[in-house]
Each structure stands twice: as structure tokens, then as C-alpha cells.
Amino acid sequence: MTISDKLLMDLANDLGIESIKEAERRAEQFVGKSDETLMREIVQLKERIKNDPEVFERQMKAIYAMRPMMTEKQKARLDQIIRLLES
């Protein structure tokens, strides 16, 4: 699957990210963090977004939509995160 700028922006919007600068800023927050720290932050995020089922559903759809664009290693990590979010 090829990734177009429009597809990336649509996915970003579904995740609540409104600009490329914002996406870059958010991504930089995760650089250098351990998997354990990232998983802890994902659990905290899960608690916040599960309070709004509509937002949670929209964001999960966006997460699933990214899966085909990933390598097998990335897919395995994403699957781990999805299991955590859906538990």
C-alpha cells in the first residue's frame, strides 16, 4: 500500500492531530523512551480515551488503518498495543 499525504493527514485527523508540526512534536515526545515507559503511557491514554466511546472507536479505526502500511515487526508491536487498548 502506498502512503499518500492525504491518507496520512486523514489518519492524523482521526487521531486528533491537526498538522504535520503537531504530529512531529508528539512523535518527539516518545524518542528514547523504553518500551515499559511507553506501555505505561498507553495505559494512561487508554483510561482517558475510553471515557468517550465515540472518540475511542474513531481512534481505534485509525490505528487499524495504519496496520497495512507497516512492516511485520511494526505490525507485531502494534498488535501488542491494540490488545492493551482493547483489554
Foldseek 3Di string as FASTA:
>chain_A
DDDDPVLVCVLCVLLVHHDPVSVVVVVVVCPPDDPVVVLVVLLVVLVVQVVPVVSLVSNVVSLVVCLVVDDPVVNVVSVVSSVSSVD
